N, C-alpha and C. Protein backbone atom coordinates (compact mmCIF):
# COMPACT_ATOMS: atom_id res chain seq x y z
N UNK A 1 133.61 277.23 107.01
CA UNK A 1 132.36 276.65 106.41
C UNK A 1 131.03 276.88 107.27
N UNK A 2 130.28 277.83 106.84
CA UNK A 2 129.36 278.59 107.77
C UNK A 2 128.35 276.92 107.69
N UNK A 3 127.50 277.15 108.79
CA UNK A 3 126.79 275.79 109.38
C UNK A 3 125.16 276.32 109.13
N UNK A 4 124.44 275.49 108.83
CA UNK A 4 122.75 275.55 108.30
C UNK A 4 122.17 275.04 109.59
N UNK A 5 121.69 275.34 110.84
CA UNK A 5 120.86 274.80 111.72
C UNK A 5 119.29 274.76 110.95
N UNK A 6 118.84 273.57 111.03
CA UNK A 6 117.17 272.69 110.96
C UNK A 6 116.90 272.73 111.99
N UNK A 7 115.67 273.69 112.28
CA UNK A 7 114.99 273.46 113.39
C UNK A 7 113.62 272.24 113.44
N UNK A 8 113.54 271.28 114.26
CA UNK A 8 112.46 270.60 114.43
C UNK A 8 111.50 270.74 115.54
N UNK A 9 110.49 271.20 115.00
CA UNK A 9 109.26 271.65 116.27
C UNK A 9 109.04 270.18 116.56
N UNK A 10 108.84 269.95 118.45
CA UNK A 10 108.59 268.52 118.62
C UNK A 10 107.06 269.32 119.25
N UNK A 11 105.88 267.95 118.98
CA UNK A 11 105.02 267.93 119.49
C UNK A 11 104.70 267.01 120.89
N UNK A 12 103.99 267.62 121.39
CA UNK A 12 103.66 266.53 122.84
C UNK A 12 102.76 265.54 122.62
N UNK A 13 102.91 264.28 123.25
CA UNK A 13 102.62 262.84 122.83
C UNK A 13 100.71 263.19 122.85
N UNK A 14 100.11 263.90 123.42
CA UNK A 14 98.44 264.27 124.19
C UNK A 14 98.47 264.78 122.20
N UNK A 15 99.12 265.71 122.19
CA UNK A 15 98.50 266.19 120.50
C UNK A 15 98.85 265.18 119.45
N UNK A 16 99.84 264.91 119.55
CA UNK A 16 99.60 263.18 118.63
C UNK A 16 98.36 262.25 119.09
N UNK A 17 98.22 261.95 119.90
CA UNK A 17 97.01 260.96 120.51
C UNK A 17 95.94 261.85 119.77
N UNK A 18 95.40 262.80 120.22
CA UNK A 18 94.13 263.35 119.68
C UNK A 18 94.20 263.87 118.11
N UNK A 19 95.39 263.77 117.35
CA UNK A 19 95.19 264.04 115.79
C UNK A 19 95.06 262.70 115.42
N UNK A 20 95.38 261.68 116.09
CA UNK A 20 95.37 260.27 115.49
C UNK A 20 93.89 259.97 115.83
N UNK A 21 93.29 260.46 117.02
CA UNK A 21 92.04 259.85 117.17
C UNK A 21 90.68 260.49 116.23
N UNK A 22 91.45 262.09 115.83
CA UNK A 22 90.49 263.00 114.94
C UNK A 22 90.33 262.23 113.71
N UNK A 23 91.52 261.43 113.28
CA UNK A 23 91.62 260.68 111.93
C UNK A 23 91.12 259.44 111.92
N UNK A 24 90.93 258.24 112.89
CA UNK A 24 90.42 257.16 113.44
C UNK A 24 89.26 257.26 111.89
N UNK A 25 88.96 256.39 111.27
CA UNK A 25 87.43 256.24 110.57
C UNK A 25 87.01 254.72 110.97
N UNK A 26 85.62 255.13 111.13
CA UNK A 26 85.11 253.65 111.51
C UNK A 26 84.71 253.00 110.11
N UNK A 27 85.23 252.02 109.66
CA UNK A 27 85.11 251.38 108.50
C UNK A 27 83.72 250.47 108.82
N UNK A 28 83.02 250.35 110.06
CA UNK A 28 81.60 249.65 109.98
C UNK A 28 80.56 250.37 109.04
N UNK A 29 80.75 251.80 109.29
CA UNK A 29 79.85 252.56 108.75
C UNK A 29 79.69 252.96 107.36
N UNK A 30 80.63 252.37 106.80
CA UNK A 30 80.91 252.22 105.22
C UNK A 30 80.82 250.70 104.51
N UNK A 31 80.12 250.08 105.16
CA UNK A 31 79.57 248.64 104.80
C UNK A 31 78.52 248.78 104.02
N UNK A 32 78.17 248.06 102.77
CA UNK A 32 77.15 247.92 101.92
C UNK A 32 76.39 247.53 102.23
N UNK A 33 76.22 246.10 102.97
CA UNK A 33 75.26 245.72 103.93
C UNK A 33 75.66 245.57 105.11
N UNK A 34 74.42 246.08 106.11
CA UNK A 34 74.79 246.05 107.46
C UNK A 34 73.99 245.57 108.33
N UNK A 35 74.37 244.83 109.17
CA UNK A 35 73.59 244.18 110.04
C UNK A 35 72.37 244.52 111.13
N UNK A 36 71.38 244.84 111.15
CA UNK A 36 70.51 245.34 111.81
C UNK A 36 69.60 244.20 112.64
N UNK A 37 69.69 244.57 114.43
CA UNK A 37 68.94 244.21 115.21
C UNK A 37 67.68 244.21 114.90
N UNK A 38 67.32 243.23 115.33
CA UNK A 38 65.29 242.98 115.46
C UNK A 38 64.80 244.21 116.78
N UNK A 39 64.20 245.00 116.03
CA UNK A 39 63.14 245.59 116.80
C UNK A 39 62.29 245.06 117.79
N UNK A 40 61.85 245.81 118.83
CA UNK A 40 61.08 245.47 119.64
C UNK A 40 59.93 244.54 119.63
N UNK A 41 59.21 245.09 118.54
CA UNK A 41 58.15 244.46 117.35
C UNK A 41 58.15 243.53 117.42
N UNK A 42 59.53 242.96 116.54
CA UNK A 42 59.69 241.97 115.77
C UNK A 42 60.31 240.25 116.85
N UNK A 43 60.81 241.51 117.93
CA UNK A 43 61.06 240.26 118.99
C UNK A 43 59.69 240.12 119.56
N UNK A 44 59.08 240.66 119.92
CA UNK A 44 57.52 240.13 120.07
C UNK A 44 56.88 239.64 119.38
N UNK A 45 57.00 239.77 118.36
CA UNK A 45 56.26 238.98 117.36
C UNK A 45 56.40 237.57 117.46
N UNK A 46 58.46 237.37 116.94
CA UNK A 46 59.05 236.25 117.21
C UNK A 46 58.32 235.36 118.63
N UNK A 47 58.56 235.92 119.76
CA UNK A 47 58.33 235.10 121.08
C UNK A 47 57.32 234.98 120.84
N UNK A 48 56.18 235.63 120.35
CA UNK A 48 54.39 235.21 120.30
C UNK A 48 54.17 234.07 119.61
N UNK A 49 55.06 233.93 118.46
CA UNK A 49 55.06 232.78 117.19
C UNK A 49 55.39 231.39 118.36
N UNK A 50 56.71 231.75 119.03
CA UNK A 50 57.33 230.70 119.40
C UNK A 50 56.15 229.94 120.51
N UNK A 51 55.42 230.72 121.49
CA UNK A 51 54.80 230.64 122.60
C UNK A 51 53.60 230.07 121.63
N UNK A 52 52.77 230.66 121.36
CA UNK A 52 51.95 229.73 120.47
C UNK A 52 52.03 228.38 120.06
N UNK A 53 53.35 228.06 119.27
CA UNK A 53 53.55 227.05 118.54
C UNK A 53 53.80 225.77 119.97
N UNK A 54 54.11 226.23 121.25
CA UNK A 54 54.71 225.44 122.24
C UNK A 54 53.11 225.20 122.47
N UNK A 55 52.04 226.15 122.74
CA UNK A 55 51.00 225.95 123.70
C UNK A 55 49.89 224.82 122.68
N UNK A 56 50.09 225.14 121.30
CA UNK A 56 49.03 224.55 120.03
C UNK A 56 49.98 222.65 120.98
N UNK A 57 51.54 222.51 120.46
CA UNK A 57 51.75 221.12 120.44
C UNK A 57 51.30 220.61 122.22
N UNK A 58 51.13 221.73 123.31
CA UNK A 58 50.79 221.04 124.24
C UNK A 58 49.32 220.50 124.47
N UNK A 59 48.14 221.47 123.69
CA UNK A 59 47.31 221.09 123.64
C UNK A 59 46.56 219.93 123.25
N UNK A 60 47.63 219.58 121.68
CA UNK A 60 47.21 218.40 120.59
C UNK A 60 47.69 217.53 122.12
N UNK A 61 48.68 217.60 122.58
CA UNK A 61 49.14 216.28 123.32
C UNK A 61 48.24 215.96 124.44
N UNK A 62 47.73 217.21 125.16
CA UNK A 62 46.70 217.00 125.95
C UNK A 62 45.56 216.15 125.45
N UNK A 63 44.99 217.12 124.19
CA UNK A 63 44.01 216.15 123.53
C UNK A 63 44.09 214.61 123.13
N UNK A 64 45.42 214.30 122.91
CA UNK A 64 45.44 212.87 122.54
C UNK A 64 45.50 211.80 123.51
N UNK A 65 45.94 212.36 124.82
CA UNK A 65 46.15 211.76 126.07
C UNK A 65 44.62 211.14 126.66
N UNK A 66 44.08 212.36 126.52
CA UNK A 66 42.22 213.02 126.96
C UNK A 66 41.60 211.81 126.34
N UNK A 67 41.82 211.31 125.25
CA UNK A 67 40.79 210.52 124.22
C UNK A 67 41.07 209.33 124.84
N UNK A 68 42.22 208.89 125.61
CA UNK A 68 42.33 208.11 126.16
C UNK A 68 42.20 207.60 127.85
N UNK A 69 42.78 208.66 128.05
CA UNK A 69 42.48 208.86 129.91
C UNK A 69 41.18 208.79 130.37
N UNK A 70 40.03 209.05 129.69
CA UNK A 70 39.00 209.19 130.14
C UNK A 70 38.55 207.53 130.50
N UNK A 71 39.20 206.34 129.80
CA UNK A 71 38.73 205.25 130.15
C UNK A 71 39.84 204.26 130.31
N UNK A 72 41.08 205.20 130.84
CA UNK A 72 41.77 203.96 131.95
C UNK A 72 41.14 204.14 132.88
N UNK A 73 41.27 202.60 133.20
CA UNK A 73 40.71 202.23 134.95
C UNK A 73 41.37 202.71 135.78
N UNK A 74 40.91 203.21 137.01
CA UNK A 74 41.19 203.86 137.97
C UNK A 74 42.80 202.66 139.11
N UNK A 75 42.50 201.35 138.38
CA UNK A 75 43.39 200.77 139.11
C UNK A 75 44.56 200.34 138.38
N UNK A 76 44.87 201.10 137.08
CA UNK A 76 45.73 200.98 136.51
C UNK A 76 47.02 201.28 137.10
N UNK A 77 47.75 199.91 136.41
CA UNK A 77 49.48 200.38 137.37
C UNK A 77 50.69 201.37 136.24
N UNK A 78 50.09 200.99 134.84
CA UNK A 78 50.82 201.84 134.05
C UNK A 78 49.91 202.54 132.72
N UNK A 79 49.97 203.60 132.56
CA UNK A 79 49.33 204.03 131.23
C UNK A 79 50.35 205.01 130.64
N UNK A 80 50.14 205.08 129.33
CA UNK A 80 51.35 205.62 128.59
C UNK A 80 50.78 205.73 126.88
N UNK A 81 50.98 206.54 126.25
CA UNK A 81 50.67 206.61 124.91
C UNK A 81 51.99 206.19 123.83
N UNK A 82 51.70 205.07 123.11
CA UNK A 82 52.85 204.86 122.24
C UNK A 82 52.34 205.02 120.90
N UNK A 83 53.13 204.95 120.19
CA UNK A 83 53.27 204.98 118.69
C UNK A 83 53.34 203.66 117.96
N UNK A 84 52.08 203.53 117.25
CA UNK A 84 51.61 202.05 117.04
C UNK A 84 52.93 201.78 116.10
N UNK A 85 53.67 202.16 115.15
CA UNK A 85 54.56 201.67 114.26
C UNK A 85 55.65 201.77 114.96
N UNK A 86 56.12 201.91 116.15
CA UNK A 86 57.28 201.92 116.73
C UNK A 86 57.14 200.54 117.99
N UNK A 87 55.45 200.41 118.53
CA UNK A 87 54.90 199.05 119.43
C UNK A 87 55.16 197.89 118.24
N UNK A 88 54.75 198.12 116.76
CA UNK A 88 54.64 196.58 115.84
C UNK A 88 56.06 196.25 115.85
N UNK A 89 57.36 197.36 116.01
CA UNK A 89 58.20 196.99 115.44
C UNK A 89 59.26 197.00 116.79
N UNK A 90 58.79 197.17 118.02
CA UNK A 90 59.14 196.38 119.47
C UNK A 90 58.89 194.71 119.48
N UNK A 91 57.74 194.83 118.81
CA UNK A 91 57.00 193.46 119.39
C UNK A 91 57.63 192.55 118.18
N UNK A 92 58.29 193.25 116.87
CA UNK A 92 58.78 191.80 116.17
C UNK A 92 59.75 191.38 116.75
N UNK A 93 60.54 192.28 117.48
CA UNK A 93 61.77 191.68 117.82
C UNK A 93 62.04 190.71 119.05
N UNK A 94 60.42 189.97 120.00
CA UNK A 94 60.47 188.71 120.62
C UNK A 94 59.75 188.13 119.83
N UNK A 95 59.11 188.14 118.67
CA UNK A 95 58.00 187.60 118.66
C UNK A 95 58.02 186.68 117.40
N UNK A 96 59.33 186.13 117.33
CA UNK A 96 59.80 185.09 116.26
C UNK A 96 58.73 183.86 116.59
N UNK A 97 58.05 183.65 115.44
CA UNK A 97 57.40 182.44 115.39
C UNK A 97 56.28 182.82 116.16
N UNK A 98 55.41 184.24 116.54
CA UNK A 98 54.45 184.02 117.51
C UNK A 98 53.37 184.89 116.72
N UNK A 99 52.38 185.05 117.11
CA UNK A 99 51.25 185.72 115.94
C UNK A 99 51.68 186.44 115.52
N UNK A 100 52.31 187.73 115.66
CA UNK A 100 52.31 188.57 115.07
C UNK A 100 53.29 188.56 113.32
N UNK A 101 54.17 187.40 113.63
CA UNK A 101 54.91 187.00 112.36
C UNK A 101 54.20 186.12 111.64
N UNK A 102 52.68 185.23 112.52
CA UNK A 102 52.08 184.74 111.21
C UNK A 102 51.27 185.35 110.92
N UNK A 103 50.68 186.85 111.50
CA UNK A 103 49.64 187.39 111.20
C UNK A 103 50.27 188.16 109.72
N UNK A 104 51.70 188.32 109.82
CA UNK A 104 51.85 189.20 108.93
C UNK A 104 51.88 187.83 107.37
N UNK A 105 52.47 186.62 108.01
CA UNK A 105 51.97 185.52 106.91
C UNK A 105 51.01 185.25 105.83
N UNK A 106 49.92 185.32 107.25
CA UNK A 106 48.29 185.15 106.87
C UNK A 106 47.63 186.40 106.00
N UNK A 107 48.23 187.43 106.38
CA UNK A 107 47.65 188.75 105.35
C UNK A 107 48.85 188.59 103.87
N UNK A 108 50.13 188.38 103.79
CA UNK A 108 50.54 188.34 102.79
C UNK A 108 49.58 187.34 102.00
N UNK A 109 49.65 186.27 102.42
CA UNK A 109 48.71 185.22 101.48
C UNK A 109 47.45 185.52 100.85
N UNK A 110 46.86 186.67 101.39
CA UNK A 110 45.61 187.57 100.77
C UNK A 110 46.16 188.45 100.31
N UNK A 111 47.23 189.14 100.22
CA UNK A 111 47.73 190.59 99.38
C UNK A 111 47.10 191.22 99.86
N UNK A 112 47.43 190.98 101.55
CA UNK A 112 47.01 192.38 102.61
C UNK A 112 48.95 192.34 102.94
N UNK A 113 49.19 193.64 103.54
CA UNK A 113 50.03 194.09 104.03
C UNK A 113 49.81 194.87 105.41
N UNK A 114 50.56 194.61 106.81
CA UNK A 114 50.26 195.06 107.60
C UNK A 114 50.60 196.31 107.73
N UNK A 115 51.70 196.99 107.44
CA UNK A 115 51.52 198.55 107.58
C UNK A 115 50.54 199.09 106.06
N UNK A 116 50.71 198.62 105.22
CA UNK A 116 49.92 199.34 104.00
C UNK A 116 48.33 199.05 104.18
N UNK A 117 47.77 197.76 104.95
CA UNK A 117 46.10 197.48 105.29
C UNK A 117 45.72 198.05 106.62
N UNK A 118 46.50 197.49 107.34
CA UNK A 118 45.79 197.36 108.88
C UNK A 118 46.78 198.61 109.51
N UNK A 119 48.01 199.37 109.92
CA UNK A 119 48.22 200.08 110.34
C UNK A 119 47.01 201.59 109.98
N UNK A 120 47.11 201.73 108.63
CA UNK A 120 45.90 203.00 108.56
C UNK A 120 44.60 203.11 108.86
N UNK A 121 44.26 202.05 109.29
CA UNK A 121 42.71 202.04 110.13
C UNK A 121 42.44 202.58 111.15
N UNK A 122 44.26 202.83 112.10
CA UNK A 122 44.09 203.06 113.34
C UNK A 122 44.50 204.73 112.93
N UNK A 123 44.48 205.33 114.55
CA UNK A 123 45.25 206.53 114.61
C UNK A 123 46.60 206.00 114.80
N UNK A 124 47.48 207.09 114.87
CA UNK A 124 48.93 206.79 115.15
C UNK A 124 49.13 206.28 116.43
N UNK A 125 48.53 207.37 117.52
CA UNK A 125 48.44 207.40 119.16
C UNK A 125 47.99 205.95 119.36
N UNK A 126 48.47 205.42 120.14
CA UNK A 126 47.56 203.87 120.89
C UNK A 126 48.05 204.04 122.67
N UNK A 127 47.19 203.31 123.14
CA UNK A 127 47.32 203.35 124.90
C UNK A 127 47.72 202.01 125.14
N UNK A 128 48.78 201.96 125.99
CA UNK A 128 49.07 201.13 126.54
C UNK A 128 48.98 201.07 128.32
N UNK A 129 48.15 200.04 128.68
CA UNK A 129 48.14 199.93 130.04
C UNK A 129 48.62 198.46 130.67
N UNK A 130 49.04 199.00 131.48
CA UNK A 130 49.10 197.86 132.59
C UNK A 130 48.61 197.41 133.83
N UNK A 131 48.00 196.35 133.81
CA UNK A 131 46.98 196.11 135.22
C UNK A 131 47.18 195.34 136.11
N UNK A 132 47.05 195.66 137.47
CA UNK A 132 47.43 194.68 138.32
C UNK A 132 47.07 193.23 137.97
N UNK A 133 48.26 192.32 138.46
CA UNK A 133 48.45 190.96 138.30
C UNK A 133 46.96 190.23 138.68
N UNK A 134 46.90 189.15 138.09
CA UNK A 134 45.33 188.38 137.93
C UNK A 134 45.79 186.95 137.75
N UNK A 135 44.28 186.21 138.18
CA UNK A 135 44.86 184.73 137.91
C UNK A 135 45.01 184.45 136.35
N UNK A 136 45.28 185.14 135.57
CA UNK A 136 45.93 184.81 134.40
C UNK A 136 47.11 184.62 134.33
N UNK A 137 47.67 185.91 134.24
CA UNK A 137 49.02 186.21 134.33
C UNK A 137 49.78 187.20 135.15
N UNK A 138 50.81 187.47 135.79
CA UNK A 138 51.47 188.33 136.32
C UNK A 138 51.25 189.88 135.83
N UNK A 139 51.60 189.83 134.43
CA UNK A 139 51.80 191.45 133.97
C UNK A 139 50.17 191.21 132.76
N UNK A 140 49.27 191.38 133.64
CA UNK A 140 48.36 191.93 132.20
C UNK A 140 48.44 193.38 131.39
N UNK A 141 47.92 192.83 130.36
CA UNK A 141 48.01 194.39 129.74
C UNK A 141 47.10 194.79 128.58
N UNK A 142 46.94 195.30 127.72
CA UNK A 142 46.09 195.83 126.90
C UNK A 142 46.89 197.08 126.10
N UNK A 143 46.79 197.30 124.71
CA UNK A 143 47.15 197.95 123.65
C UNK A 143 45.58 198.17 123.14
N UNK A 144 45.43 200.02 123.34
CA UNK A 144 44.21 200.23 122.66
C UNK A 144 44.32 201.26 121.56
N UNK A 145 43.99 201.10 120.41
CA UNK A 145 43.65 201.24 119.05
C UNK A 145 42.45 202.45 118.95
N UNK A 146 43.03 203.81 118.03
CA UNK A 146 41.53 204.14 117.92
C UNK A 146 41.32 204.03 116.61
N UNK A 147 40.00 204.03 116.06
CA UNK A 147 39.70 203.75 114.67
C UNK A 147 39.54 204.55 113.97
N UNK A 148 40.58 204.77 112.94
CA UNK A 148 40.00 205.62 111.73
C UNK A 148 39.17 205.76 110.67
N UNK A 149 38.82 203.91 110.16
CA UNK A 149 38.26 203.58 109.24
C UNK A 149 36.70 202.85 109.92
N UNK A 150 35.87 202.70 109.27
CA UNK A 150 34.30 201.87 109.66
C UNK A 150 34.99 200.72 110.17
N UNK A 151 33.63 200.08 110.87
CA UNK A 151 34.30 198.90 111.74
C UNK A 151 34.17 197.94 110.46
N UNK A 152 32.89 198.03 109.36
CA UNK A 152 33.34 196.64 108.28
C UNK A 152 34.50 196.64 107.75
N UNK A 153 35.42 197.62 107.92
CA UNK A 153 36.53 197.21 106.94
C UNK A 153 37.62 196.36 108.27
N UNK A 154 37.44 196.69 109.05
CA UNK A 154 38.33 196.00 110.01
C UNK A 154 37.99 194.67 110.32
N UNK A 155 36.33 194.15 110.11
CA UNK A 155 36.24 192.94 110.18
C UNK A 155 36.39 192.35 109.22
N UNK A 156 36.01 192.90 107.76
CA UNK A 156 36.20 191.97 106.88
C UNK A 156 37.88 191.42 106.49
N UNK A 157 38.62 192.08 107.11
CA UNK A 157 40.28 191.64 107.18
C UNK A 157 40.30 190.65 108.64
N UNK A 158 39.49 190.84 109.55
CA UNK A 158 39.94 189.76 110.70
C UNK A 158 39.22 188.39 110.19
N UNK A 159 38.23 188.61 109.57
CA UNK A 159 37.48 187.33 108.54
C UNK A 159 38.08 186.44 107.60
N UNK A 160 39.13 187.71 106.63
CA UNK A 160 39.70 186.72 105.76
C UNK A 160 40.84 185.94 106.47
N UNK A 161 41.55 186.95 107.35
CA UNK A 161 42.84 186.17 107.96
C UNK A 161 42.17 185.03 109.10
N UNK A 162 41.18 184.76 109.90
CA UNK A 162 40.62 183.94 110.06
C UNK A 162 41.11 182.30 110.06
N UNK A 163 40.46 181.71 108.64
CA UNK A 163 40.88 180.45 108.41
C UNK A 163 42.38 180.16 108.43
N UNK A 164 42.82 180.67 108.22
CA UNK A 164 44.65 180.81 108.44
C UNK A 164 45.32 180.50 109.64
N UNK A 165 44.43 181.69 110.65
CA UNK A 165 44.70 181.68 112.15
C UNK A 165 44.47 180.20 112.49
N UNK A 166 43.32 179.61 112.32
CA UNK A 166 42.49 178.60 112.59
C UNK A 166 43.87 177.29 112.67
N UNK A 167 44.38 177.67 111.78
CA UNK A 167 45.28 176.19 111.92
C UNK A 167 46.14 175.97 112.89
N UNK A 168 46.62 177.14 113.15
CA UNK A 168 47.63 177.33 115.01
C UNK A 168 46.96 177.37 115.79
N UNK A 169 45.86 178.10 115.94
CA UNK A 169 45.40 178.85 117.06
C UNK A 169 43.89 178.08 117.10
N UNK A 170 43.70 178.16 118.69
CA UNK A 170 42.54 177.94 119.03
C UNK A 170 41.36 179.36 119.30
N UNK A 171 40.80 179.69 118.10
CA UNK A 171 39.62 180.76 118.44
C UNK A 171 38.30 180.39 119.32
N UNK A 172 38.27 180.91 120.17
CA UNK A 172 36.72 181.22 120.64
C UNK A 172 35.94 182.86 121.03
N UNK A 173 34.75 182.66 121.03
CA UNK A 173 34.53 183.88 121.51
C UNK A 173 33.83 183.95 122.98
N UNK A 174 33.28 184.82 123.50
CA UNK A 174 32.58 185.26 124.83
C UNK A 174 31.97 186.38 125.10
N UNK A 175 31.14 186.20 125.57
CA UNK A 175 30.05 188.01 124.90
C UNK A 175 29.91 188.25 126.68
N UNK A 176 30.51 189.51 126.90
CA UNK A 176 30.13 190.19 128.41
C UNK A 176 29.71 191.70 127.92
N UNK A 177 28.82 191.77 128.62
CA UNK A 177 27.95 192.84 128.74
C UNK A 177 27.54 193.70 127.24
N UNK A 178 26.96 192.37 126.36
CA UNK A 178 26.95 192.28 125.33
C UNK A 178 28.12 192.62 124.46
N UNK A 179 29.34 192.56 124.71
CA UNK A 179 30.39 192.82 123.69
C UNK A 179 31.68 191.45 123.48
N UNK A 180 31.48 191.29 122.43
CA UNK A 180 32.35 190.15 121.96
C UNK A 180 34.22 190.14 122.41
N UNK A 181 34.57 189.12 123.09
CA UNK A 181 35.89 188.89 123.54
C UNK A 181 36.41 187.67 122.75
N UNK A 182 37.10 187.96 122.02
CA UNK A 182 37.39 187.06 121.10
C UNK A 182 38.95 186.50 121.51
N UNK A 183 39.03 185.24 121.92
CA UNK A 183 39.90 184.81 122.39
C UNK A 183 41.29 183.87 121.39
N UNK A 184 42.45 184.10 121.02
CA UNK A 184 43.24 183.00 120.89
C UNK A 184 44.05 182.58 121.25
N UNK A 185 43.99 181.30 121.40
CA UNK A 185 45.03 180.42 122.38
C UNK A 185 45.81 179.47 121.10
N UNK A 186 47.55 179.60 121.39
CA UNK A 186 48.47 178.37 120.36
C UNK A 186 48.18 177.05 120.73
N UNK A 187 47.54 176.75 119.44
CA UNK A 187 47.39 174.99 119.53
C UNK A 187 49.00 174.39 120.08
N UNK A 188 50.20 174.80 119.81
CA UNK A 188 51.21 174.34 120.38
C UNK A 188 52.17 176.11 121.30
N UNK A 189 52.59 175.40 121.83
CA UNK A 189 53.28 176.95 122.38
C UNK A 189 54.72 177.38 121.85
N UNK A 190 54.85 178.20 121.26
CA UNK A 190 55.70 178.82 120.32
C UNK A 190 56.92 179.16 121.22
N UNK A 191 56.86 179.98 121.79
CA UNK A 191 58.13 180.29 122.80
C UNK A 191 57.31 180.70 124.55
N UNK A 192 57.95 180.52 125.46
CA UNK A 192 57.60 180.54 126.93
C UNK A 192 57.58 182.23 127.24
N UNK A 193 58.20 183.02 126.75
CA UNK A 193 58.27 184.45 126.46
C UNK A 193 57.20 185.14 126.07
N UNK A 194 56.30 184.30 125.32
CA UNK A 194 55.06 185.23 124.53
C UNK A 194 53.60 184.69 125.88
N UNK A 195 52.62 185.66 125.36
CA UNK A 195 51.66 185.00 126.03
C UNK A 195 51.01 184.05 125.92
N UNK A 196 50.13 183.54 126.74
CA UNK A 196 49.52 182.13 126.17
C UNK A 196 48.49 181.99 125.47
N UNK A 197 47.59 183.40 125.72
CA UNK A 197 46.67 183.63 125.08
C UNK A 197 46.34 184.98 124.29
N UNK A 198 45.36 185.21 123.38
CA UNK A 198 45.51 186.77 123.47
C UNK A 198 44.22 187.43 122.99
N UNK A 199 43.73 188.20 123.47
CA UNK A 199 42.32 188.83 123.37
C UNK A 199 42.25 189.71 122.48
N UNK A 200 40.85 189.91 121.72
CA UNK A 200 40.70 191.47 120.67
C UNK A 200 39.30 191.17 121.28
N UNK A 201 39.32 192.62 121.22
CA UNK A 201 37.93 193.39 121.44
C UNK A 201 37.66 194.52 120.67
N UNK A 202 36.50 194.77 120.04
CA UNK A 202 36.10 196.03 119.35
C UNK A 202 34.79 196.30 120.08
N UNK A 203 34.85 197.82 120.39
CA UNK A 203 33.82 198.56 121.53
C UNK A 203 33.95 199.79 121.43
N UNK A 204 32.90 200.26 120.83
CA UNK A 204 32.63 201.95 120.02
C UNK A 204 33.84 201.98 118.87
N UNK A 205 34.79 203.22 119.46
CA UNK A 205 35.34 203.22 118.49
C UNK A 205 37.14 203.05 118.01
N UNK A 206 36.92 201.62 119.18
CA UNK A 206 38.25 201.03 119.73
C UNK A 206 38.05 199.77 119.38
N UNK A 207 40.16 199.48 119.44
CA UNK A 207 40.20 197.82 119.13
C UNK A 207 41.19 197.56 120.59
N UNK A 208 40.67 196.63 121.33
CA UNK A 208 41.65 196.58 122.49
C UNK A 208 42.14 195.09 122.30
N UNK A 209 43.71 195.43 122.41
CA UNK A 209 44.38 193.55 122.11
C UNK A 209 45.32 193.42 123.55
N UNK A 210 45.49 192.33 124.08
CA UNK A 210 45.59 192.39 125.07
C UNK A 210 46.14 190.85 125.60
N UNK A 211 46.20 190.52 126.64
CA UNK A 211 47.06 188.79 127.06
C UNK A 211 46.17 188.32 127.90
N UNK A 212 44.83 189.05 128.53
CA UNK A 212 44.15 188.57 129.33
C UNK A 212 42.65 189.02 129.64
N UNK A 213 41.84 187.92 129.37
CA UNK A 213 40.36 187.87 129.54
C UNK A 213 39.70 188.87 130.78
N UNK A 214 40.55 188.90 131.89
CA UNK A 214 40.17 189.50 132.58
C UNK A 214 40.77 190.98 132.64
N UNK A 215 41.62 191.77 131.90
CA UNK A 215 41.50 192.40 131.79
C UNK A 215 40.78 193.37 130.72
N UNK A 216 40.65 192.50 129.81
CA UNK A 216 39.90 192.85 128.43
C UNK A 216 38.45 193.06 129.17
N UNK A 217 37.91 192.54 129.97
CA UNK A 217 36.38 192.68 130.79
C UNK A 217 36.58 193.89 131.80
N UNK A 218 37.65 194.29 132.37
CA UNK A 218 37.88 195.60 132.95
C UNK A 218 38.26 196.96 132.03
N UNK A 219 38.57 196.74 130.73
CA UNK A 219 38.58 197.94 129.85
C UNK A 219 37.39 198.25 129.40
N UNK A 220 36.64 196.72 129.02
CA UNK A 220 35.02 197.17 128.66
C UNK A 220 33.96 197.61 129.69
N UNK A 221 34.23 197.46 130.69
CA UNK A 221 33.94 198.27 132.03
C UNK A 221 33.92 199.88 132.26
N UNK A 222 35.24 199.84 131.98
CA UNK A 222 35.86 201.77 131.91
C UNK A 222 35.55 202.12 130.76
N UNK A 223 35.27 201.60 129.48
CA UNK A 223 34.76 202.67 128.12
C UNK A 223 33.23 202.79 128.53
N UNK A 224 32.18 201.87 128.71
CA UNK A 224 31.06 201.67 128.86
C UNK A 224 30.19 202.48 129.83
N UNK A 225 31.77 202.61 131.22
CA UNK A 225 31.26 203.59 132.35
C UNK A 225 31.36 204.80 132.18
N UNK A 226 31.72 205.04 130.67
CA UNK A 226 32.23 206.53 130.51
C UNK A 226 31.22 207.35 129.14
């Protein structure tokens, strides 16, 4: 029987690797939708817009703070900007039966609402100032609201609720440097945690609310001297 020999030609590994390498296909190049990296100009534009937004926010905050900072007394212990909506919410948490609760009731009796009729009269940002202790209280403070509406609108609302307030509060006024300081003292004490008196002052474009007549006079001096 005759034998047939079949020769198989072997290739070395290097040649196989090179041929495989040449046959590789980069499928990413065949994708219909390619992800494009931002160009240098686009990156610069994005960075500029972010920087401009940050600077704008910074200068707006400085402007808001400067509205009040110029009238803050030099002896102030604490000065901060607060959101008036948050401020009313915090007061409500410990003002059970106090002046804020009664004020809401008085407004409701006269078809008025604190959020709809009072808050829109003032700008959202208010200033909270804590002053050194005095003969009236260990923690004299004031909250200063910047008016948005004419003075007449605020006066009308105050006069509307005045008869109702008079039922439970003694209301009296004094003049200091030609500015009226209205003081409210409760007929009976509602809570030991609440101030013994409240003061209201309207001066220039501000409404000042606090718990000390001495503090009110300090703020009046600061506003009139600036």
